[in-house]
C-alpha atoms as a PDB file:
ATOM      1  CA  MET A   1       0.000   0.000   0.000  1.00  0.00           C
ATOM      2  CA  VAL A   2       1.438   3.368  -1.043  1.00  0.00           C
ATOM      3  CA  PRO A   3       1.439   5.907   1.842  1.00  0.00           C
ATOM      4  CA  LEU A   4      -0.987   8.797   1.505  1.00  0.00           C
ATOM      5  CA  LYS A   5      -0.516  12.490   2.057  1.00  0.00           C
ATOM      6  CA  HIS A   6      -3.786  14.369   2.324  1.00  0.00           C
ATOM      7  CA  GLY A   7      -5.543  11.517   0.545  1.00  0.00           C
ATOM      8  CA  ILE A   8      -3.159  11.559  -2.427  1.00  0.00           C
ATOM      9  CA  PRO A   9      -0.541   8.825  -3.018  1.00  0.00           C
ATOM     10  CA  ALA A  10       2.777  10.310  -1.943  1.00  0.00           C
ATOM     11  CA  GLN A  11       5.746  10.399  -4.281  1.00  0.00           C
ATOM     12  CA  PRO A  12       8.817   8.660  -2.871  1.00  0.00           C
ATOM     13  CA  ARG A  13      11.355  11.025  -1.376  1.00  0.00           C
ATOM     14  CA  ARG A  14      14.584  10.815  -3.352  1.00  0.00           C
ATOM     15  CA  PHE A  15      17.950  10.685  -1.605  1.00  0.00           C
ATOM     16  CA  VAL A  16      21.052  11.201  -3.753  1.00  0.00           C
ATOM     17  CA  PHE A  17      24.119   9.876  -1.933  1.00  0.00           C
ATOM     18  CA  VAL A  18      27.236  11.611  -3.261  1.00  0.00           C
ATOM     19  CA  LEU A  19      30.220   9.348  -2.588  1.00  0.00           C
ATOM     20  CA  MET A  20      33.248  11.587  -2.132  1.00  0.00           C
ATOM     21  CA  ASP A  21      36.744  10.195  -2.605  1.00  0.00           C
ATOM     22  CA  GLN A  22      37.821   8.117   0.428  1.00  0.00           C
ATOM     23  CA  PHE A  23      34.332   8.278   1.955  1.00  0.00           C
ATOM     24  CA  THR A  24      33.613   6.318   5.152  1.00  0.00           C
ATOM     25  CA  LEU A  25      31.818   3.078   4.299  1.00  0.00           C
ATOM     26  CA  LEU A  26      30.171   2.573   7.693  1.00  0.00           C
ATOM     27  CA  SER A  27      28.534   5.989   7.734  1.00  0.00           C
ATOM     28  CA  PHE A  28      27.247   5.631   4.164  1.00  0.00           C
ATOM     29  CA  SER A  29      26.015   2.042   4.442  1.00  0.00           C
ATOM     30  CA  GLY A  30      24.241   2.639   7.756  1.00  0.00           C
ATOM     31  CA  ALA A  31      22.252   5.523   6.304  1.00  0.00           C
ATOM     32  CA  LEU A  32      21.471   3.687   3.070  1.00  0.00           C
ATOM     33  CA  ASP A  33      20.308   0.526   4.832  1.00  0.00           C
ATOM     34  CA  ALA A  34      18.027   2.421   7.214  1.00  0.00           C
ATOM     35  CA  LEU A  35      16.154   3.871   4.241  1.00  0.00           C
ATOM     36  CA  ARG A  36      16.149   0.521   2.417  1.00  0.00           C
ATOM     37  CA  ILE A  37      14.567  -1.189   5.419  1.00  0.00           C
ATOM     38  CA  ALA A  38      12.016   1.622   5.700  1.00  0.00           C
ATOM     39  CA  ASN A  39      10.996   0.806   2.119  1.00  0.00           C
ATOM     40  CA  ARG A  40      10.665  -2.851   3.053  1.00  0.00           C
ATOM     41  CA  PHE A  41       8.403  -2.268   6.048  1.00  0.00           C
ATOM     42  CA  GLY A  42       6.724   0.988   5.034  1.00  0.00           C
ATOM     43  CA  GLY A  43       3.885  -0.416   2.988  1.00  0.00           C
ATOM     44  CA  GLY A  44       5.135   1.095  -0.248  1.00  0.00           C
ATOM     45  CA  HIS A  45       8.035   2.769  -2.029  1.00  0.00           C
ATOM     46  CA  LEU A  46       8.837   5.503   0.491  1.00  0.00           C
ATOM     47  CA  TYR A  47      12.359   6.396  -0.593  1.00  0.00           C
ATOM     48  CA  ASP A  48      14.113   6.444  -3.950  1.00  0.00           C
ATOM     49  CA  LEU A  49      17.831   5.869  -3.391  1.00  0.00           C
ATOM     50  CA  LYS A  50      20.467   6.970  -5.904  1.00  0.00           C
ATOM     51  CA  LEU A  51      24.257   6.858  -5.724  1.00  0.00           C
ATOM     52  CA  ALA A  52      26.375   9.540  -7.355  1.00  0.00           C
ATOM     53  CA  SER A  53      30.009  10.564  -7.678  1.00  0.00           C
ATOM     54  CA  VAL A  54      31.585  13.756  -8.954  1.00  0.00           C
ATOM     55  CA  ASP A  55      32.441  12.250 -12.354  1.00  0.00           C
ATOM     56  CA  GLY A  56      29.863   9.451 -12.510  1.00  0.00           C
ATOM     57  CA  GLU A  57      32.637   6.842 -12.159  1.00  0.00           C
ATOM     58  CA  PRO A  58      32.815   4.191  -9.392  1.00  0.00           C
ATOM     59  CA  ALA A  59      33.771   5.667  -6.028  1.00  0.00           C
ATOM     60  CA  VAL A  60      36.458   4.307  -3.700  1.00  0.00           C
ATOM     61  CA  CYS A  61      35.939   4.385   0.062  1.00  0.00           C
ATOM     62  CA  SER A  62      38.622   4.661   2.748  1.00  0.00           C
ATOM     63  CA  SER A  63      38.718   0.859   3.088  1.00  0.00           C
ATOM     64  CA  HIS A  64      39.415   0.614  -0.674  1.00  0.00           C
ATOM     65  CA  ALA A  65      36.109  -0.949  -1.734  1.00  0.00           C
ATOM     66  CA  ARG A  66      34.836   0.305  -5.110  1.00  0.00           C
ATOM     67  CA  ILE A  67      31.153   1.218  -5.328  1.00  0.00           C
ATOM     68  CA  ASP A  68      29.307   1.605  -8.631  1.00  0.00           C
ATOM     69  CA  VAL A  69      27.123   4.700  -8.887  1.00  0.00           C
ATOM     70  CA  ASP A  70      24.001   5.623 -10.827  1.00  0.00           C
ATOM     71  CA  MET A  71      24.880   9.161 -11.876  1.00  0.00           C
ATOM     72  CA  GLY A  72      27.213  12.103 -11.808  1.00  0.00           C
ATOM     73  CA  LEU A  73      26.432  15.600 -10.543  1.00  0.00           C
ATOM     74  CA  GLU A  74      23.159  16.034 -12.401  1.00  0.00           C
ATOM     75  CA  GLU A  75      20.459  18.635 -11.902  1.00  0.00           C
ATOM     76  CA  LEU A  76      18.050  17.593  -9.171  1.00  0.00           C
ATOM     77  CA  ASN A  77      14.463  18.336  -8.230  1.00  0.00           C
ATOM     78  CA  ARG A  78      13.665  20.772  -5.447  1.00  0.00           C
ATOM     79  CA  GLU A  79      12.150  17.953  -3.359  1.00  0.00           C
ATOM     80  CA  ASP A  80      15.323  15.821  -3.449  1.00  0.00           C
ATOM     81  CA  THR A  81      17.813  15.426  -0.610  1.00  0.00           C
ATOM     82  CA  ILE A  82      21.569  15.407  -1.215  1.00  0.00           C
ATOM     83  CA  VAL A  83      23.647  13.282   1.173  1.00  0.00           C
ATOM     84  CA  LEU A  84      27.351  14.133   1.034  1.00  0.00           C
ATOM     85  CA  CYS A  85      29.334  11.100   2.200  1.00  0.00           C
ATOM     86  CA  GLY A  86      32.674  12.365   3.453  1.00  0.00           C
ATOM     87  CA  GLY A  87      35.611  10.653   5.071  1.00  0.00           C
ATOM     88  CA  MET A  88      39.367  10.757   4.711  1.00  0.00           C
ATOM     89  CA  GLN A  89      41.033  13.562   2.725  1.00  0.00           C
ATOM     90  CA  VAL A  90      37.881  15.699   2.788  1.00  0.00           C
ATOM     91  CA  HIS A  91      39.899  18.819   1.979  1.00  0.00           C
ATOM     92  CA  GLU A  92      41.059  17.362  -1.315  1.00  0.00           C
ATOM     93  CA  SER A  93      37.679  15.865  -2.217  1.00  0.00           C
ATOM     94  CA  SER A  94      35.852  19.158  -1.574  1.00  0.00           C
ATOM     95  CA  THR A  95      36.493  20.261  -5.141  1.00  0.00           C
ATOM     96  CA  LYS A  96      35.244  23.467  -6.774  1.00  0.00           C
ATOM     97  CA  ARG A  97      33.071  21.376  -9.058  1.00  0.00           C
ATOM     98  CA  LEU A  98      31.355  19.660  -6.136  1.00  0.00           C
ATOM     99  CA  MET A  99      30.933  22.849  -4.110  1.00  0.00           C
ATOM    100  CA  ASN A 100      29.540  24.799  -7.061  1.00  0.00           C
ATOM    101  CA  TRP A 101      27.024  21.990  -7.639  1.00  0.00           C
ATOM    102  CA  ILE A 102      25.764  21.912  -4.058  1.00  0.00           C
ATOM    103  CA  ARG A 103      25.561  25.723  -4.010  1.00  0.00           C
ATOM    104  CA  ARG A 104      23.402  25.646  -7.128  1.00  0.00           C
ATOM    105  CA  GLU A 105      21.139  22.934  -5.764  1.00  0.00           C
ATOM    106  CA  ALA A 106      20.890  24.697  -2.389  1.00  0.00           C
ATOM    107  CA  ARG A 107      19.671  27.864  -4.128  1.00  0.00           C
ATOM    108  CA  LYS A 108      16.788  25.807  -5.531  1.00  0.00           C
ATOM    109  CA  GLY A 109      15.849  24.671  -2.034  1.00  0.00           C
ATOM    110  CA  VAL A 110      17.284  21.144  -2.146  1.00  0.00           C
ATOM    111  CA  ALA A 111      17.945  19.774   1.359  1.00  0.00           C
ATOM    112  CA  ILE A 112      21.571  18.792   2.009  1.00  0.00           C
ATOM    113  CA  ALA A 113      23.028  16.408   4.592  1.00  0.00           C
ATOM    114  CA  GLY A 114      26.681  15.786   5.395  1.00  0.00           C
ATOM    115  CA  LEU A 115      27.734  12.410   6.806  1.00  0.00           C
ATOM    116  CA  CYS A 116      30.996  12.101   8.756  1.00  0.00           C
ATOM    117  CA  THR A 117      33.165  14.935   7.334  1.00  0.00           C
ATOM    118  CA  GLY A 118      30.588  15.904   4.695  1.00  0.00           C
ATOM    119  CA  GLY A 119      29.709  18.856   6.908  1.00  0.00           C
ATOM    120  CA  TYR A 120      33.152  20.294   6.114  1.00  0.00           C
ATOM    121  CA  THR A 121      32.297  20.461   2.415  1.00  0.00           C
ATOM    122  CA  MET A 122      28.996  22.162   3.210  1.00  0.00           C
ATOM    123  CA  ALA A 123      30.766  24.745   5.383  1.00  0.00           C
ATOM    124  CA  LYS A 124      33.522  25.268   2.791  1.00  0.00           C
ATOM    125  CA  ALA A 125      30.809  26.001   0.215  1.00  0.00           C
ATOM    126  CA  GLY A 126      29.368  28.661   2.528  1.00  0.00           C
ATOM    127  CA  LEU A 127      26.149  26.759   3.197  1.00  0.00           C
ATOM    128  CA  MET A 128      26.495  26.567   6.984  1.00  0.00           C
ATOM    129  CA  ASP A 129      27.157  30.186   7.987  1.00  0.00           C
ATOM    130  CA  GLY A 130      24.904  31.067  10.902  1.00  0.00           C
ATOM    131  CA  ARG A 131      23.804  27.442  11.203  1.00  0.00           C
ATOM    132  CA  ARG A 132      24.324  24.708  13.792  1.00  0.00           C
ATOM    133  CA  ALA A 133      26.377  21.688  12.756  1.00  0.00           C
ATOM    134  CA  THR A 134      28.419  18.748  13.953  1.00  0.00           C
ATOM    135  CA  ILE A 135      31.370  16.783  12.621  1.00  0.00           C
ATOM    136  CA  HIS A 136      33.494  13.832  13.738  1.00  0.00           C
ATOM    137  CA  TRP A 137      35.310  14.700  16.973  1.00  0.00           C
ATOM    138  CA  GLU A 138      38.705  14.175  15.323  1.00  0.00           C
ATOM    139  CA  ASN A 139      37.933  17.065  12.952  1.00  0.00           C
ATOM    140  CA  TYR A 140      36.342  19.303  15.597  1.00  0.00           C
ATOM    141  CA  ASP A 141      39.358  21.498  16.405  1.00  0.00           C
ATOM    142  CA  SER A 142      40.270  22.218  12.795  1.00  0.00           C
ATOM    143  CA  PHE A 143      36.640  22.959  11.892  1.00  0.00           C
ATOM    144  CA  VAL A 144      36.312  25.496  14.720  1.00  0.00           C
ATOM    145  CA  GLU A 145      39.480  27.270  13.603  1.00  0.00           C
ATOM    146  CA  GLU A 146      38.397  27.498   9.945  1.00  0.00           C
ATOM    147  CA  PHE A 147      34.665  28.246  10.151  1.00  0.00           C
ATOM    148  CA  LEU A 148      34.036  30.968  12.703  1.00  0.00           C
ATOM    149  CA  ASP A 149      30.465  31.608  11.538  1.00  0.00           C
ATOM    150  CA  VAL A 150      29.268  28.030  12.123  1.00  0.00           C
ATOM    151  CA  GLU A 151      27.933  27.005  15.535  1.00  0.00           C
ATOM    152  CA  LEU A 152      29.643  23.661  15.951  1.00  0.00           C
ATOM    153  CA  THR A 153      28.283  21.181  18.502  1.00  0.00           C
ATOM    154  CA  ASN A 154      29.327  17.789  19.874  1.00  0.00           C
ATOM    155  CA  SER A 155      25.964  16.216  19.024  1.00  0.00           C
ATOM    156  CA  VAL A 156      25.753  12.922  17.138  1.00  0.00           C
ATOM    157  CA  PHE A 157      23.659  14.714  14.506  1.00  0.00           C
ATOM    158  CA  VAL A 158      22.151  18.134  13.933  1.00  0.00           C
ATOM    159  CA  LEU A 159      19.094  19.165  11.939  1.00  0.00           C
ATOM    160  CA  ASP A 160      19.023  22.882  11.164  1.00  0.00           C
ATOM    161  CA  GLY A 161      16.213  23.447   8.687  1.00  0.00           C
ATOM    162  CA  ASP A 162      17.225  21.973   5.340  1.00  0.00           C
ATOM    163  CA  ARG A 163      20.836  21.434   6.481  1.00  0.00           C
ATOM    164  CA  MET A 164      21.763  18.225   8.294  1.00  0.00           C
ATOM    165  CA  THR A 165      25.113  17.007   9.596  1.00  0.00           C
ATOM    166  CA  THR A 166      26.318  13.915  11.448  1.00  0.00           C
ATOM    167  CA  ALA A 167      29.397  13.021  13.453  1.00  0.00           C
ATOM    168  CA  GLY A 168      30.206   9.928  11.403  1.00  0.00           C
ATOM    169  CA  GLY A 169      30.119   6.230  12.195  1.00  0.00           C
ATOM    170  CA  THR A 170      26.706   4.969  13.248  1.00  0.00           C
ATOM    171  CA  SER A 171      25.353   8.494  13.825  1.00  0.00           C
ATOM    172  CA  SER A 172      24.118   8.435  10.209  1.00  0.00           C
ATOM    173  CA  ILE A 173      21.651   5.741  11.301  1.00  0.00           C
ATOM    174  CA  ASP A 174      20.324   8.027  14.039  1.00  0.00           C
ATOM    175  CA  LEU A 175      19.790  10.831  11.532  1.00  0.00           C
ATOM    176  CA  MET A 176      17.939   8.597   9.089  1.00  0.00           C
ATOM    177  CA  LEU A 177      15.744   7.144  11.850  1.00  0.00           C
ATOM    178  CA  LYS A 178      14.835  10.708  12.807  1.00  0.00           C
ATOM    179  CA  LEU A 179      13.925  11.553   9.197  1.00  0.00           C
ATOM    180  CA  ILE A 180      11.908   8.332   8.844  1.00  0.00           C
ATOM    181  CA  ALA A 181      10.027   9.195  12.054  1.00  0.00           C
ATOM    182  CA  ASN A 182       9.358  12.732  10.787  1.00  0.00           C
ATOM    183  CA  ASP A 183       8.136  11.445   7.411  1.00  0.00           C
ATOM    184  CA  HIS A 184       6.195   8.335   8.400  1.00  0.00           C
ATOM    185  CA  GLY A 185       5.947   8.092  12.172  1.00  0.00           C
ATOM    186  CA  GLU A 186       7.843   6.781  15.199  1.00  0.00           C
ATOM    187  CA  ALA A 187       6.460   3.256  14.825  1.00  0.00           C
ATOM    188  CA  LEU A 188       8.147   2.729  11.448  1.00  0.00           C
ATOM    189  CA  ALA A 189      11.428   4.239  12.689  1.00  0.00           C
ATOM    190  CA  SER A 190      11.384   1.891  15.690  1.00  0.00           C
ATOM    191  CA  ARG A 191      10.720  -1.109  13.473  1.00  0.00           C
ATOM    192  CA  VAL A 192      13.643  -0.162  11.233  1.00  0.00           C
ATOM    193  CA  ALA A 193      15.908   0.187  14.285  1.00  0.00           C
ATOM    194  CA  ASP A 194      14.763  -3.181  15.601  1.00  0.00           C
ATOM    195  CA  GLN A 195      15.560  -4.815  12.258  1.00  0.00           C
ATOM    196  CA  MET A 196      19.048  -3.303  12.355  1.00  0.00           C
ATOM    197  CA  ILE A 197      19.609  -4.575  15.938  1.00  0.00           C
ATOM    198  CA  TYR A 198      19.968  -0.900  16.838  1.00  0.00           C
ATOM    199  CA  THR A 199      18.783  -1.020  20.418  1.00  0.00           C
ATOM    200  CA  SER A 200      19.473   2.545  21.539  1.00  0.00           C
ATOM    201  CA  ILE A 201      18.290   5.269  19.175  1.00  0.00           C
ATOM    202  CA  ARG A 202      20.107   8.528  19.873  1.00  0.00           C
ATOM    203  CA  THR A 203      18.688  12.023  19.460  1.00  0.00           C
ATOM    204  CA  ASP A 204      20.305  15.335  18.567  1.00  0.00           C
ATOM    205  CA  GLN A 205      20.737  15.900  22.312  1.00  0.00           C
ATOM    206  CA  ASP A 206      23.212  13.014  22.611  1.00  0.00           C
ATOM    207  CA  THR A 207      26.917  13.748  22.349  1.00  0.00           C
ATOM    208  CA  GLN A 208      29.241  11.746  20.129  1.00  0.00           C
ATOM    209  CA  ARG A 209      32.181  10.887  22.369  1.00  0.00           C
ATOM    210  CA  LEU A 210      32.223   8.328  25.149  1.00  0.00           C
ATOM    211  CA  SER A 211      32.138   9.705  28.663  1.00  0.00           C
ATOM    212  CA  ILE A 212      35.518  10.412  30.226  1.00  0.00           C
ATOM    213  CA  PRO A 213      35.267   7.464  32.685  1.00  0.00           C
ATOM    214  CA  THR A 214      34.520   5.108  29.785  1.00  0.00           C
ATOM    215  CA  ARG A 215      37.361   6.499  27.667  1.00  0.00           C
ATOM    216  CA  ILE A 216      40.016   6.224  30.384  1.00  0.00           C
ATOM    217  CA  GLY A 217      38.596   3.046  31.904  1.00  0.00           C
ATOM    218  CA  VAL A 218      38.372   4.598  35.368  1.00  0.00           C
ATOM    219  CA  ARG A 219      35.338   5.756  37.308  1.00  0.00           C
ATOM    220  CA  HIS A 220      36.667   8.415  39.645  1.00  0.00           C
ATOM    221  CA  PRO A 221      34.639  11.661  39.761  1.00  0.00           C
ATOM    222  CA  LYS A 222      37.494  13.972  40.709  1.00  0.00           C
ATOM    223  CA  LEU A 223      39.812  12.505  38.077  1.00  0.00           C
ATOM    224  CA  SER A 224      37.094  12.907  35.421  1.00  0.00           C
ATOM    225  CA  GLN A 225      36.483  16.499  36.488  1.00  0.00           C
ATOM    226  CA  VAL A 226      40.160  17.400  36.193  1.00  0.00           C
ATOM    227  CA  ILE A 227      40.465  15.796  32.751  1.00  0.00           C
ATOM    228  CA  ARG A 228      37.349  17.618  31.563  1.00  0.00           C
ATOM    229  CA  THR A 229      38.875  20.914  32.737  1.00  0.00           C
ATOM    230  CA  MET A 230      42.083  20.093  30.893  1.00  0.00           C
ATOM    231  CA  GLU A 231      40.210  19.329  27.663  1.00  0.00           C
ATOM    232  CA  ASP A 232      38.317  22.608  27.940  1.00  0.00           C
ATOM    233  CA  ASN A 233      41.481  24.667  28.492  1.00  0.00           C
ATOM    234  CA  ILE A 234      44.003  23.657  25.848  1.00  0.00           C
ATOM    235  CA  GLU A 235      44.922  27.131  24.586  1.00  0.00           C
ATOM    236  CA  GLU A 236      45.564  28.481  28.087  1.00  0.00           C
ATOM    237  CA  PRO A 237      46.697  25.546  30.255  1.00  0.00           C
ATOM    238  CA  ILE A 238      45.871  25.587  33.960  1.00  0.00           C
ATOM    239  CA  SER A 239      48.557  24.762  36.516  1.00  0.00           C
ATOM    240  CA  PRO A 240      48.363  21.467  38.457  1.00  0.00           C
ATOM    241  CA  SER A 241      48.011  23.365  41.719  1.00  0.00           C
ATOM    242  CA  ILE A 242      44.857  25.142  40.522  1.00  0.00           C
ATOM    243  CA  LEU A 243      43.465  21.937  38.997  1.00  0.00           C
ATOM    244  CA  ALA A 244      43.960  20.237  42.365  1.00  0.00           C
ATOM    245  CA  GLN A 245      42.439  23.143  44.278  1.00  0.00           C
ATOM    246  CA  ASP A 246      39.320  23.094  42.056  1.00  0.00           C
ATOM    247  CA  VAL A 247      38.532  19.509  43.128  1.00  0.00           C
ATOM    248  CA  GLY A 248      39.484  19.960  46.773  1.00  0.00           C
ATOM    249  CA  MET A 249      42.807  18.141  46.667  1.00  0.00           C
ATOM    250  CA  SER A 250      46.432  18.991  47.270  1.00  0.00           C
ATOM    251  CA  THR A 251      48.845  18.972  44.334  1.00  0.00           C
ATOM    252  CA  ARG A 252      50.529  15.880  45.815  1.00  0.00           C
ATOM    253  CA  GLN A 253      47.183  14.055  46.051  1.00  0.00           C
ATOM    254  CA  LEU A 254      46.439  14.904  42.424  1.00  0.00           C
ATOM    255  CA  GLU A 255      49.841  13.575  41.386  1.00  0.00           C
ATOM    256  CA  ARG A 256      49.183  10.301  43.200  1.00  0.00           C
ATOM    257  CA  LEU A 257      45.712  10.035  41.632  1.00  0.00           C
ATOM    258  CA  PHE A 258      47.099  10.350  38.078  1.00  0.00           C
ATOM    259  CA  ARG A 259      49.991   7.991  38.802  1.00  0.00           C
ATOM    260  CA  ARG A 260      47.671   5.374  40.252  1.00  0.00           C
ATOM    261  CA  TYR A 261      45.070   5.348  37.490  1.00  0.00           C
ATOM    262  CA  LEU A 262      46.848   6.682  34.370  1.00  0.00           C
ATOM    263  CA  ASN A 263      50.511   5.897  35.098  1.00  0.00           C
ATOM    264  CA  ARG A 264      51.608   9.435  34.309  1.00  0.00           C
ATOM    265  CA  SER A 265      51.712  12.822  35.977  1.00  0.00           C
ATOM    266  CA  PRO A 266      48.937  15.423  35.472  1.00  0.00           C
ATOM    267  CA  LYS A 267      51.474  17.574  33.640  1.00  0.00           C
ATOM    268  CA  ARG A 268      52.366  14.721  31.244  1.00  0.00           C
ATOM    269  CA  TYR A 269      48.714  13.867  30.610  1.00  0.00           C
ATOM    270  CA  TYR A 270      47.901  17.531  29.914  1.00  0.00           C
ATOM    271  CA  MET A 271      50.847  17.771  27.528  1.00  0.00           C
ATOM    272  CA  GLU A 272      49.632  14.728  25.593  1.00  0.00           C
ATOM    273  CA  LEU A 273      46.169  16.292  25.194  1.00  0.00           C
ATOM    274  CA  ARG A 274      47.718  19.502  23.850  1.00  0.00           C
ATOM    275  CA  LEU A 275      50.011  17.648  21.450  1.00  0.00           C
ATOM    276  CA  GLU A 276      47.118  15.531  20.173  1.00  0.00           C
ATOM    277  CA  LYS A 277      45.185  18.684  19.319  1.00  0.00           C
ATOM    278  CA  ALA A 278      48.290  20.181  17.705  1.00  0.00           C
ATOM    279  CA  ARG A 279      48.714  17.134  15.482  1.00  0.00           C
ATOM    280  CA  ASN A 280      45.089  17.331  14.358  1.00  0.00           C
ATOM    281  CA  LEU A 281      45.504  21.006  13.472  1.00  0.00           C
ATOM    282  CA  LEU A 282      48.748  20.381  11.590  1.00  0.00           C
ATOM    283  CA  MET A 283      47.211  17.591   9.523  1.00  0.00           C
ATOM    284  CA  GLN A 284      43.766  19.081   8.907  1.00  0.00           C
ATOM    285  CA  THR A 285      44.276  22.844   8.536  1.00  0.00           C
ATOM    286  CA  ASP A 286      46.527  25.342   6.783  1.00  0.00           C
ATOM    287  CA  MET A 287      47.352  27.102  10.058  1.00  0.00           C
ATOM    288  CA  SER A 288      51.006  28.066  10.412  1.00  0.00           C
ATOM    289  CA  VAL A 289      53.082  26.054  12.859  1.00  0.00           C
ATOM    290  CA  ILE A 290      53.381  29.165  15.055  1.00  0.00           C
ATOM    291  CA  ASN A 291      49.602  29.590  15.220  1.00  0.00           C
ATOM    292  CA  VAL A 292      49.149  25.884  15.964  1.00  0.00           C
ATOM    293  CA  ALA A 293      51.611  26.237  18.825  1.00  0.00           C
ATOM    294  CA  LEU A 294      49.721  29.211  20.269  1.00  0.00           C
ATOM    295  CA  ALA A 295      46.345  27.455  19.872  1.00  0.00           C
ATOM    296  CA  CYS A 296      47.691  24.573  21.946  1.00  0.00           C
ATOM    297  CA  GLY A 297      49.181  26.625  24.775  1.00  0.00           C
ATOM    298  CA  PHE A 298      52.844  26.796  23.724  1.00  0.00           C
ATOM    299  CA  ALA A 299      54.453  30.198  24.211  1.00  0.00           C
ATOM    300  CA  SER A 300      57.271  29.610  21.698  1.00  0.00           C
ATOM    301  CA  PRO A 301      57.658  27.568  18.484  1.00  0.00           C
ATOM    302  CA  SER A 302      60.958  26.135  19.740  1.00  0.00           C
ATOM    303  CA  HIS A 303      59.375  24.724  22.894  1.00  0.00           C
ATOM    304  CA  PHE A 304      56.482  23.375  20.848  1.00  0.00           C
ATOM    305  CA  SER A 305      58.848  21.700  18.389  1.00  0.00           C
ATOM    306  CA  LYS A 306      60.897  20.164  21.209  1.00  0.00           C
ATOM    307  CA  CYS A 307      57.811  18.703  22.937  1.00  0.00           C
ATOM    308  CA  TYR A 308      56.313  17.517  19.664  1.00  0.00           C
ATOM    309  CA  ARG A 309      59.471  15.717  18.625  1.00  0.00           C
ATOM    310  CA  ALA A 310      59.814  14.041  22.015  1.00  0.00           C
ATOM    311  CA  HIS A 311      56.271  12.664  21.746  1.00  0.00           C
ATOM    312  CA  TYR A 312      55.887  11.895  18.015  1.00  0.00           C
ATOM    313  CA  ASP A 313      59.539  11.407  17.014  1.00  0.00           C
ATOM    314  CA  THR A 314      59.249  14.075  14.297  1.00  0.00           C
ATOM    315  CA  THR A 315      59.016  17.839  14.160  1.00  0.00           C
ATOM    316  CA  PRO A 316      55.821  19.809  13.445  1.00  0.00           C
ATOM    317  CA  TYR A 317      57.349  21.032  10.175  1.00  0.00           C
ATOM    318  CA  ARG A 318      58.171  17.501   9.009  1.00  0.00           C
ATOM    319  CA  GLU A 319      54.705  16.338  10.041  1.00  0.00           C
ATOM    320  CA  ARG A 320      53.179  19.074   7.906  1.00  0.00           C
ATOM    321  CA  GLY A 321      55.465  18.188   5.002  1.00  0.00           C
ATOM    322  CA  ALA A 322      54.667  14.480   5.235  1.00  0.00           C
ATOM    323  CA  GLN A 323      50.951  15.252   5.236  1.00  0.00           C
ATOM    324  CA  ALA A 324      51.354  17.407   2.110  1.00  0.00           C
ATOM    325  CA  SER A 325      53.245  14.631   0.303  1.00  0.00           C
ATOM    326  CA  ARG A 326      50.464  12.121   1.103  1.00  0.00           C
ATOM    327  CA  SER A 327      47.772  14.422  -0.315  1.00  0.00           C
END
């Protein structure tokens, strides 16, 4: 039975999945299968699913599987939805041709979603200014530095009008379940989730990263609070004495706490957080090494380079050069 809208048989909603070079297979396949299952259980042809690439040729994902597509960047109908499937090397795959196409379709009113790093391409095309968005946590720092006019969140997915973004991985399933529920009701979305063995449907209020206790494998409230403070203060690091004071401990007690549970000092742990952010910025942005150093709380490039080399066995400049040669 074909679903009805106001007594008239509804036309299937068409989703055009644009497979960018090195796209993430999990994010794409989860979204595609959710819609496929909705068609199976929805009493009719609810969704028309098309695969596209920039040149109409088979697309290659980050795990090297080749996927045949149905079309290139063709003109779409106003009622269609574009799904940009991003992944590795999103900077290189966000070509002028692709961005000009999504700008043109956006002007017509076509809805656009970005899976995984697809939100970067949308922002680069100027389609997310003044909007809320999300992106995979690994790309969070570089996105914030590059797109000042986008309100970036840590949510698993964000719907802002006709712009939709996800954090990658299985969050694309959550987005599609939300759209299925909006289009055809919660009961169908729940049945799709059940078929996918997806037992906990997340909303746009859920955050993408595991809780700090889960990530570090330790459930200690004061330790978690200190680590959260560290993560929130990378550019201007806080001294161990103040971190200890904020949780009602002495500096010596804080040292013992970190040694016991994380086998390192608070200072060492903090340094590793700062260097991890620095590496992400070096590999994902065009920021100068000096600006990366400042963004990660290093007062001088020489000190930054010394710490970086000690941790990663290479200098920030060589890291940047190696990244450029891989691109």
